[in-house]
All heavy atoms as atom14 arrays in JSON, in Angstrom:
{
  "sequence": "WRELISRLGVDWHLADPARQDGIAAAEEALGHPFPDDL",
  "atom14_mask": [
    [1, 1, 1, 1, 1, 1, 1, 1, 1, 1, 1, 1, 1, 1],
    [1, 1, 1, 1, 1, 1, 1, 1, 1, 1, 1, 0, 0, 0],
    [1, 1, 1, 1, 1, 1, 1, 1, 1, 0, 0, 0, 0, 0],
    [1, 1, 1, 1, 1, 1, 1, 1, 0, 0, 0, 0, 0, 0],
    [1, 1, 1, 1, 1, 1, 1, 1, 0, 0, 0, 0, 0, 0],
    [1, 1, 1, 1, 1, 1, 0, 0, 0, 0, 0, 0, 0, 0],
    [1, 1, 1, 1, 1, 1, 1, 1, 1, 1, 1, 0, 0, 0],
    [1, 1, 1, 1, 1, 1, 1, 1, 0, 0, 0, 0, 0, 0],
    [1, 1, 1, 1, 0, 0, 0, 0, 0, 0, 0, 0, 0, 0],
    [1, 1, 1, 1, 1, 1, 1, 0, 0, 0, 0, 0, 0, 0],
    [1, 1, 1, 1, 1, 1, 1, 1, 0, 0, 0, 0, 0, 0],
    [1, 1, 1, 1, 1, 1, 1, 1, 1, 1, 1, 1, 1, 1],
    [1, 1, 1, 1, 1, 1, 1, 1, 1, 1, 0, 0, 0, 0],
    [1, 1, 1, 1, 1, 1, 1, 1, 0, 0, 0, 0, 0, 0],
    [1, 1, 1, 1, 1, 0, 0, 0, 0, 0, 0, 0, 0, 0],
    [1, 1, 1, 1, 1, 1, 1, 1, 0, 0, 0, 0, 0, 0],
    [1, 1, 1, 1, 1, 1, 1, 0, 0, 0, 0, 0, 0, 0],
    [1, 1, 1, 1, 1, 0, 0, 0, 0, 0, 0, 0, 0, 0],
    [1, 1, 1, 1, 1, 1, 1, 1, 1, 1, 1, 0, 0, 0],
    [1, 1, 1, 1, 1, 1, 1, 1, 1, 0, 0, 0, 0, 0],
    [1, 1, 1, 1, 1, 1, 1, 1, 0, 0, 0, 0, 0, 0],
    [1, 1, 1, 1, 0, 0, 0, 0, 0, 0, 0, 0, 0, 0],
    [1, 1, 1, 1, 1, 1, 1, 1, 0, 0, 0, 0, 0, 0],
    [1, 1, 1, 1, 1, 0, 0, 0, 0, 0, 0, 0, 0, 0],
    [1, 1, 1, 1, 1, 0, 0, 0, 0, 0, 0, 0, 0, 0],
    [1, 1, 1, 1, 1, 0, 0, 0, 0, 0, 0, 0, 0, 0],
    [1, 1, 1, 1, 1, 1, 1, 1, 1, 0, 0, 0, 0, 0],
    [1, 1, 1, 1, 1, 1, 1, 1, 1, 0, 0, 0, 0, 0],
    [1, 1, 1, 1, 1, 0, 0, 0, 0, 0, 0, 0, 0, 0],
    [1, 1, 1, 1, 1, 1, 1, 1, 0, 0, 0, 0, 0, 0],
    [1, 1, 1, 1, 0, 0, 0, 0, 0, 0, 0, 0, 0, 0],
    [1, 1, 1, 1, 1, 1, 1, 1, 1, 1, 0, 0, 0, 0],
    [1, 1, 1, 1, 1, 1, 1, 0, 0, 0, 0, 0, 0, 0],
    [1, 1, 1, 1, 1, 1, 1, 1, 1, 1, 1, 0, 0, 0],
    [1, 1, 1, 1, 1, 1, 1, 0, 0, 0, 0, 0, 0, 0],
    [1, 1, 1, 1, 1, 1, 1, 1, 0, 0, 0, 0, 0, 0],
    [1, 1, 1, 1, 1, 1, 1, 1, 0, 0, 0, 0, 0, 0],
    [1, 1, 1, 1, 1, 1, 1, 1, 0, 0, 0, 0, 0, 0]
  ],
  "atom14_positions": [
    [[-24.46, -90.57, 42.3], [-25.85, -90.51, 42.73], [-26.56, -91.84, 42.53], [-27.35, -92.26, 43.37], [-26.58, -89.35, 42.04], [-26.02, -88.05, 42.5], [-25.13, -87.25, 41.83], [-26.24, -87.43, 43.76], [-24.81, -86.17, 42.61], [-25.48, -86.25, 43.8], [-27.01, -87.76, 44.87], [-25.47, -85.39, 44.9], [-27.02, -86.89, 45.97], [-26.25, -85.73, 45.97]],
    [[-26.3, -92.49, 41.42], [-26.91, -93.81, 41.2], [-26.42, -94.79, 42.26], [-27.2, -95.61, 42.76], [-26.59, -94.32, 39.8], [-27.4, -93.64, 38.72], [-27.07, -94.19, 37.33], [-27.91, -93.6, 36.33], [-29.09, -94.1, 35.94], [-29.53, -95.22, 36.45], [-29.82, -93.48, 35.02], [0.0, 0.0, 0.0], [0.0, 0.0, 0.0], [0.0, 0.0, 0.0]],
    [[-25.15, -94.7, 42.63], [-24.6, -95.57, 43.66], [-25.25, -95.29, 45.01], [-25.6, -96.22, 45.74], [-23.09, -95.39, 43.76], [-22.33, -95.88, 42.55], [-20.87, -95.46, 42.57], [-20.39, -94.94, 43.6], [-20.2, -95.64, 41.53], [0.0, 0.0, 0.0], [0.0, 0.0, 0.0], [0.0, 0.0, 0.0], [0.0, 0.0, 0.0], [0.0, 0.0, 0.0]],
    [[-25.42, -94.02, 45.35], [-26.07, -93.66, 46.61], [-27.49, -94.22, 46.65], [-27.89, -94.85, 47.63], [-26.1, -92.14, 46.8], [-26.95, -91.65, 47.97], [-26.35, -92.07, 49.3], [-27.15, -90.16, 47.92], [0.0, 0.0, 0.0], [0.0, 0.0, 0.0], [0.0, 0.0, 0.0], [0.0, 0.0, 0.0], [0.0, 0.0, 0.0], [0.0, 0.0, 0.0]],
    [[-28.25, -94.01, 45.6], [-29.64, -94.49, 45.56], [-29.67, -96.01, 45.64], [-30.51, -96.59, 46.34], [-30.36, -93.93, 44.32], [-30.54, -92.42, 44.49], [-31.69, -94.64, 44.09], [-30.96, -91.68, 43.25], [0.0, 0.0, 0.0], [0.0, 0.0, 0.0], [0.0, 0.0, 0.0], [0.0, 0.0, 0.0], [0.0, 0.0, 0.0], [0.0, 0.0, 0.0]],
    [[-28.75, -96.67, 44.98], [-28.68, -98.13, 45.05], [-28.42, -98.59, 46.48], [-29.02, -99.55, 46.96], [-27.59, -98.64, 44.11], [-27.46, -100.02, 44.21], [0.0, 0.0, 0.0], [0.0, 0.0, 0.0], [0.0, 0.0, 0.0], [0.0, 0.0, 0.0], [0.0, 0.0, 0.0], [0.0, 0.0, 0.0], [0.0, 0.0, 0.0], [0.0, 0.0, 0.0]],
    [[-27.51, -97.93, 47.17], [-27.18, -98.27, 48.57], [-28.36, -98.06, 49.5], [-28.47, -98.71, 50.54], [-25.99, -97.47, 49.06], [-24.66, -97.99, 48.59], [-23.51, -97.38, 49.38], [-23.59, -95.95, 49.58], [-23.02, -95.03, 48.8], [-22.31, -95.4, 47.75], [-23.13, -93.75, 49.07], [0.0, 0.0, 0.0], [0.0, 0.0, 0.0], [0.0, 0.0, 0.0]],
    [[-29.25, -97.13, 49.15], [-30.41, -96.85, 50.01], [-31.41, -97.99, 50.01], [-32.25, -98.09, 50.91], [-31.09, -95.54, 49.58], [-30.26, -94.27, 49.77], [-30.99, -93.07, 49.17], [-29.95, -94.03, 51.25], [0.0, 0.0, 0.0], [0.0, 0.0, 0.0], [0.0, 0.0, 0.0], [0.0, 0.0, 0.0], [0.0, 0.0, 0.0], [0.0, 0.0, 0.0]],
    [[-31.35, -98.86, 49.01], [-32.19, -100.03, 48.96], [-33.67, -99.73, 48.76], [-34.52, -100.43, 49.32], [0.0, 0.0, 0.0], [0.0, 0.0, 0.0], [0.0, 0.0, 0.0], [0.0, 0.0, 0.0], [0.0, 0.0, 0.0], [0.0, 0.0, 0.0], [0.0, 0.0, 0.0], [0.0, 0.0, 0.0], [0.0, 0.0, 0.0], [0.0, 0.0, 0.0]],
    [[-33.99, -98.72, 47.99], [-35.38, -98.34, 47.75], [-35.78, -98.68, 46.31], [-34.94, -98.84, 45.43], [-35.6, -96.83, 48.01], [-35.52, -96.53, 49.48], [-34.59, -96.0, 47.23], [0.0, 0.0, 0.0], [0.0, 0.0, 0.0], [0.0, 0.0, 0.0], [0.0, 0.0, 0.0], [0.0, 0.0, 0.0], [0.0, 0.0, 0.0], [0.0, 0.0, 0.0]],
    [[-37.08, -98.78, 46.1], [-37.63, -99.07, 44.78], [-37.89, -97.76, 44.04], [-39.04, -97.37, 43.83], [-38.92, -99.89, 44.91], [-39.5, -100.24, 43.55], [-38.74, -100.35, 42.58], [-40.74, -100.4, 43.47], [0.0, 0.0, 0.0], [0.0, 0.0, 0.0], [0.0, 0.0, 0.0], [0.0, 0.0, 0.0], [0.0, 0.0, 0.0], [0.0, 0.0, 0.0]],
    [[-36.83, -97.06, 43.71], [-36.94, -95.8, 42.99], [-36.54, -96.03, 41.54], [-35.66, -96.84, 41.25], [-36.05, -94.74, 43.6], [-36.53, -94.23, 44.93], [-37.73, -94.5, 45.54], [-35.83, -93.36, 45.8], [-37.81, -93.85, 46.74], [-36.66, -93.14, 46.93], [-34.59, -92.75, 45.77], [-36.28, -92.32, 47.99], [-34.22, -91.94, 46.81], [-35.06, -91.72, 47.91]],
    [[-37.2, -95.32, 40.67], [-36.96, -95.45, 39.24], [-36.09, -94.3, 38.76], [-36.4, -93.14, 39.0], [-38.28, -95.48, 38.48], [-39.2, -96.53, 39.01], [-39.09, -97.86, 38.65], [-40.23, -96.47, 39.89], [-40.01, -98.56, 39.28], [-40.71, -97.74, 40.05], [0.0, 0.0, 0.0], [0.0, 0.0, 0.0], [0.0, 0.0, 0.0], [0.0, 0.0, 0.0]],
    [[-35.0, -94.66, 38.1], [-34.06, -93.67, 37.56], [-34.27, -93.56, 36.06], [-34.63, -94.52, 35.4], [-32.63, -94.09, 37.87], [-32.33, -94.28, 39.37], [-30.94, -94.84, 39.56], [-32.48, -92.98, 40.12], [0.0, 0.0, 0.0], [0.0, 0.0, 0.0], [0.0, 0.0, 0.0], [0.0, 0.0, 0.0], [0.0, 0.0, 0.0], [0.0, 0.0, 0.0]],
    [[-34.01, -92.38, 35.54], [-34.21, -92.12, 34.12], [-32.86, -92.03, 33.41], [-31.8, -92.09, 34.05], [-34.98, -90.8, 33.94], [0.0, 0.0, 0.0], [0.0, 0.0, 0.0], [0.0, 0.0, 0.0], [0.0, 0.0, 0.0], [0.0, 0.0, 0.0], [0.0, 0.0, 0.0], [0.0, 0.0, 0.0], [0.0, 0.0, 0.0], [0.0, 0.0, 0.0]],
    [[-32.92, -91.87, 32.11], [-31.69, -91.6, 31.36], [-31.17, -90.23, 31.79], [-31.94, -89.38, 32.26], [-31.98, -91.59, 29.86], [-32.31, -92.98, 29.33], [-31.86, -93.97, 29.93], [-33.03, -93.06, 28.31], [0.0, 0.0, 0.0], [0.0, 0.0, 0.0], [0.0, 0.0, 0.0], [0.0, 0.0, 0.0], [0.0, 0.0, 0.0], [0.0, 0.0, 0.0]],
    [[-29.89, -89.97, 31.61], [-29.32, -88.69, 32.02], [-29.89, -87.5, 31.25], [-30.27, -87.63, 30.09], [-27.82, -88.84, 31.72], [-27.59, -90.3, 31.56], [-28.88, -90.89, 31.08], [0.0, 0.0, 0.0], [0.0, 0.0, 0.0], [0.0, 0.0, 0.0], [0.0, 0.0, 0.0], [0.0, 0.0, 0.0], [0.0, 0.0, 0.0], [0.0, 0.0, 0.0]],
    [[-29.93, -86.36, 31.93], [-30.25, -85.11, 31.25], [-29.0, -84.65, 30.51], [-27.88, -85.11, 30.79], [-30.67, -84.05, 32.26], [0.0, 0.0, 0.0], [0.0, 0.0, 0.0], [0.0, 0.0, 0.0], [0.0, 0.0, 0.0], [0.0, 0.0, 0.0], [0.0, 0.0, 0.0], [0.0, 0.0, 0.0], [0.0, 0.0, 0.0], [0.0, 0.0, 0.0]],
    [[-29.18, -83.74, 29.59], [-28.04, -83.21, 28.83], [-27.56, -81.91, 29.47], [-28.36, -81.13, 30.0], [-28.45, -82.96, 27.39], [-28.77, -84.24, 26.63], [-29.33, -83.96, 25.25], [-28.66, -82.87, 24.58], [-27.87, -83.01, 23.51], [-27.69, -84.21, 22.99], [-27.31, -81.96, 22.95], [0.0, 0.0, 0.0], [0.0, 0.0, 0.0], [0.0, 0.0, 0.0]],
    [[-26.26, -81.69, 29.43], [-25.66, -80.48, 30.0], [-26.26, -79.23, 29.37], [-26.55, -78.27, 30.08], [-24.14, -80.51, 29.79], [-23.42, -79.29, 30.34], [-23.5, -79.19, 31.85], [-23.31, -80.16, 32.57], [-23.79, -78.01, 32.36], [0.0, 0.0, 0.0], [0.0, 0.0, 0.0], [0.0, 0.0, 0.0], [0.0, 0.0, 0.0], [0.0, 0.0, 0.0]],
    [[-26.47, -79.24, 28.06], [-27.03, -78.05, 27.41], [-28.48, -77.81, 27.85], [-28.93, -76.67, 27.92], [-26.91, -78.11, 25.89], [-27.6, -79.32, 25.26], [-27.91, -80.3, 25.96], [-27.82, -79.27, 24.03], [0.0, 0.0, 0.0], [0.0, 0.0, 0.0], [0.0, 0.0, 0.0], [0.0, 0.0, 0.0], [0.0, 0.0, 0.0], [0.0, 0.0, 0.0]],
    [[-29.22, -78.87, 28.18], [-30.57, -78.71, 28.7], [-30.57, -78.08, 30.08], [-31.42, -77.23, 30.38], [0.0, 0.0, 0.0], [0.0, 0.0, 0.0], [0.0, 0.0, 0.0], [0.0, 0.0, 0.0], [0.0, 0.0, 0.0], [0.0, 0.0, 0.0], [0.0, 0.0, 0.0], [0.0, 0.0, 0.0], [0.0, 0.0, 0.0], [0.0, 0.0, 0.0]],
    [[-29.62, -78.49, 30.91], [-29.5, -77.9, 32.24], [-29.13, -76.42, 32.12], [-29.73, -75.56, 32.78], [-28.46, -78.66, 33.09], [-28.96, -80.08, 33.37], [-28.17, -77.92, 34.4], [-27.93, -81.0, 34.01], [0.0, 0.0, 0.0], [0.0, 0.0, 0.0], [0.0, 0.0, 0.0], [0.0, 0.0, 0.0], [0.0, 0.0, 0.0], [0.0, 0.0, 0.0]],
    [[-28.19, -76.11, 31.25], [-27.78, -74.72, 31.04], [-28.96, -73.87, 30.55], [-29.14, -72.73, 31.0], [-26.62, -74.65, 30.06], [0.0, 0.0, 0.0], [0.0, 0.0, 0.0], [0.0, 0.0, 0.0], [0.0, 0.0, 0.0], [0.0, 0.0, 0.0], [0.0, 0.0, 0.0], [0.0, 0.0, 0.0], [0.0, 0.0, 0.0], [0.0, 0.0, 0.0]],
    [[-29.77, -74.42, 29.66], [-30.93, -73.68, 29.15], [-31.96, -73.44, 30.27], [-32.56, -72.36, 30.34], [-31.57, -74.44, 27.99], [0.0, 0.0, 0.0], [0.0, 0.0, 0.0], [0.0, 0.0, 0.0], [0.0, 0.0, 0.0], [0.0, 0.0, 0.0], [0.0, 0.0, 0.0], [0.0, 0.0, 0.0], [0.0, 0.0, 0.0], [0.0, 0.0, 0.0]],
    [[-32.16, -74.42, 31.14], [-33.1, -74.26, 32.25], [-32.58, -73.21, 33.23], [-33.36, -72.38, 33.72], [-33.32, -75.59, 32.95], [0.0, 0.0, 0.0], [0.0, 0.0, 0.0], [0.0, 0.0, 0.0], [0.0, 0.0, 0.0], [0.0, 0.0, 0.0], [0.0, 0.0, 0.0], [0.0, 0.0, 0.0], [0.0, 0.0, 0.0], [0.0, 0.0, 0.0]],
    [[-31.3, -73.25, 33.51], [-30.71, -72.24, 34.4], [-30.88, -70.85, 33.81], [-31.25, -69.9, 34.53], [-29.23, -72.53, 34.62], [-28.96, -73.76, 35.46], [-27.49, -74.11, 35.56], [-26.76, -73.97, 34.55], [-27.06, -74.53, 36.65], [0.0, 0.0, 0.0], [0.0, 0.0, 0.0], [0.0, 0.0, 0.0], [0.0, 0.0, 0.0], [0.0, 0.0, 0.0]],
    [[-30.66, -70.72, 32.54], [-30.81, -69.41, 31.88], [-32.26, -68.96, 31.91], [-32.56, -67.8, 32.21], [-30.31, -69.47, 30.43], [-30.37, -68.13, 29.74], [-29.76, -68.16, 28.35], [-28.95, -69.05, 28.06], [-30.13, -67.28, 27.55], [0.0, 0.0, 0.0], [0.0, 0.0, 0.0], [0.0, 0.0, 0.0], [0.0, 0.0, 0.0], [0.0, 0.0, 0.0]],
    [[-33.19, -69.86, 31.63], [-34.61, -69.52, 31.63], [-35.09, -69.07, 33.01], [-35.91, -68.16, 33.12], [-35.44, -70.7, 31.15], [0.0, 0.0, 0.0], [0.0, 0.0, 0.0], [0.0, 0.0, 0.0], [0.0, 0.0, 0.0], [0.0, 0.0, 0.0], [0.0, 0.0, 0.0], [0.0, 0.0, 0.0], [0.0, 0.0, 0.0], [0.0, 0.0, 0.0]],
    [[-34.57, -69.7, 34.06], [-34.98, -69.35, 35.41], [-34.14, -68.22, 36.0], [-34.49, -67.68, 37.05], [-34.93, -70.58, 36.32], [-35.94, -71.67, 35.95], [-35.72, -72.92, 36.8], [-37.37, -71.16, 36.1], [0.0, 0.0, 0.0], [0.0, 0.0, 0.0], [0.0, 0.0, 0.0], [0.0, 0.0, 0.0], [0.0, 0.0, 0.0], [0.0, 0.0, 0.0]],
    [[-33.03, -67.9, 35.37], [-32.23, -66.75, 35.79], [-31.24, -67.0, 36.9], [-30.78, -66.06, 37.54], [0.0, 0.0, 0.0], [0.0, 0.0, 0.0], [0.0, 0.0, 0.0], [0.0, 0.0, 0.0], [0.0, 0.0, 0.0], [0.0, 0.0, 0.0], [0.0, 0.0, 0.0], [0.0, 0.0, 0.0], [0.0, 0.0, 0.0], [0.0, 0.0, 0.0]],
    [[-30.87, -68.25, 37.12], [-29.89, -68.55, 38.17], [-29.37, -69.97, 37.99], [-30.04, -70.82, 37.4], [-30.51, -68.4, 39.56], [-31.7, -69.28, 39.77], [-31.61, -70.61, 40.11], [-33.03, -69.02, 39.66], [-32.82, -71.12, 40.2], [-33.7, -70.18, 39.93], [0.0, 0.0, 0.0], [0.0, 0.0, 0.0], [0.0, 0.0, 0.0], [0.0, 0.0, 0.0]],
    [[-28.17, -70.23, 38.52], [-27.63, -71.59, 38.43], [-28.33, -72.54, 39.4], [-28.88, -72.12, 40.4], [-26.15, -71.41, 38.81], [-26.13, -70.18, 39.65], [-27.24, -69.3, 39.15], [0.0, 0.0, 0.0], [0.0, 0.0, 0.0], [0.0, 0.0, 0.0], [0.0, 0.0, 0.0], [0.0, 0.0, 0.0], [0.0, 0.0, 0.0], [0.0, 0.0, 0.0]],
    [[-28.29, -73.81, 39.06], [-28.78, -74.86, 39.95], [-27.66, -75.23, 40.92], [-26.48, -75.09, 40.6], [-29.16, -76.11, 39.16], [-30.38, -75.98, 38.29], [-30.79, -77.05, 37.54], [-31.13, -74.81, 38.22], [-31.91, -76.98, 36.73], [-32.26, -74.72, 37.42], [-32.65, -75.81, 36.67], [0.0, 0.0, 0.0], [0.0, 0.0, 0.0], [0.0, 0.0, 0.0]],
    [[-28.0, -75.75, 42.09], [-26.96, -76.27, 42.98], [-26.16, -77.37, 42.27], [-26.7, -78.14, 41.47], [-27.74, -76.85, 44.16], [-29.06, -76.15, 44.14], [-29.34, -75.88, 42.69], [0.0, 0.0, 0.0], [0.0, 0.0, 0.0], [0.0, 0.0, 0.0], [0.0, 0.0, 0.0], [0.0, 0.0, 0.0], [0.0, 0.0, 0.0], [0.0, 0.0, 0.0]],
    [[-24.87, -77.44, 42.56], [-24.0, -78.43, 41.93], [-24.51, -79.85, 42.11], [-24.44, -80.67, 41.19], [-22.58, -78.31, 42.46], [-21.89, -77.03, 42.01], [-22.34, -76.41, 41.01], [-20.89, -76.65, 42.64], [0.0, 0.0, 0.0], [0.0, 0.0, 0.0], [0.0, 0.0, 0.0], [0.0, 0.0, 0.0], [0.0, 0.0, 0.0], [0.0, 0.0, 0.0]],
    [[-25.02, -80.17, 43.31], [-25.53, -81.51, 43.57], [-26.69, -81.87, 42.64], [-26.77, -82.98, 42.13], [-26.0, -81.65, 45.02], [-24.86, -81.75, 46.0], [-23.69, -81.86, 45.56], [-25.13, -81.74, 47.21], [0.0, 0.0, 0.0], [0.0, 0.0, 0.0], [0.0, 0.0, 0.0], [0.0, 0.0, 0.0], [0.0, 0.0, 0.0], [0.0, 0.0, 0.0]],
    [[-27.59, -80.92, 42.43], [-28.74, -81.18, 41.56], [-28.27, -81.39, 40.12], [-28.73, -82.31, 39.44], [-29.75, -80.04, 41.63], [-30.98, -80.19, 40.74], [-31.77, -81.45, 41.09], [-31.86, -78.94, 40.83], [0.0, 0.0, 0.0], [0.0, 0.0, 0.0], [0.0, 0.0, 0.0], [0.0, 0.0, 0.0], [0.0, 0.0, 0.0], [0.0, 0.0, 0.0]]
  ]
}
């Protein structure tokens, strides 16, 4: 994803990575999995 955004040539700001356990907790709180791409 960082490579794709870099190739797009835009002035977008990227953050540090999220943690897998944080993603799992968000999925559980919302009651469904996130798309793999997200």
